[in-house]
Amino acid sequence: MRRDWKFHVYIMASKSRRIYVGMTNSLFSRVMQHKEGQIEGFTKRYKINRLVHFEPFQYVNNCIAREKQVKKDGRETRKLF
């Protein structure tokens, strides 16, 4: 039996506008982990717990490429300021 995976690139933000870009194959579960502070590190420290954007993908390689693109674009934008 073939399983149809669904992958997502997602962006979470805090009230103070810090952002986090990630990818997952279970968007609802991952967002709940962020909201409940279950993920140690950057997102927990800065209370990044609001889903502000997501994009679905059928293939993991496309999802990974998009995540890298979003992260790279964000870094290049910050360099302008």
Foldseek 3Di string as FASTA:
>chain_A
DDDFFKKKWWWFADPVGDIDIDMDRDVVVVLVCLQVLVDDDDSNVRSRRHTDDMDIDRDPVVRVVVSVVVVVVVVVVVVVD
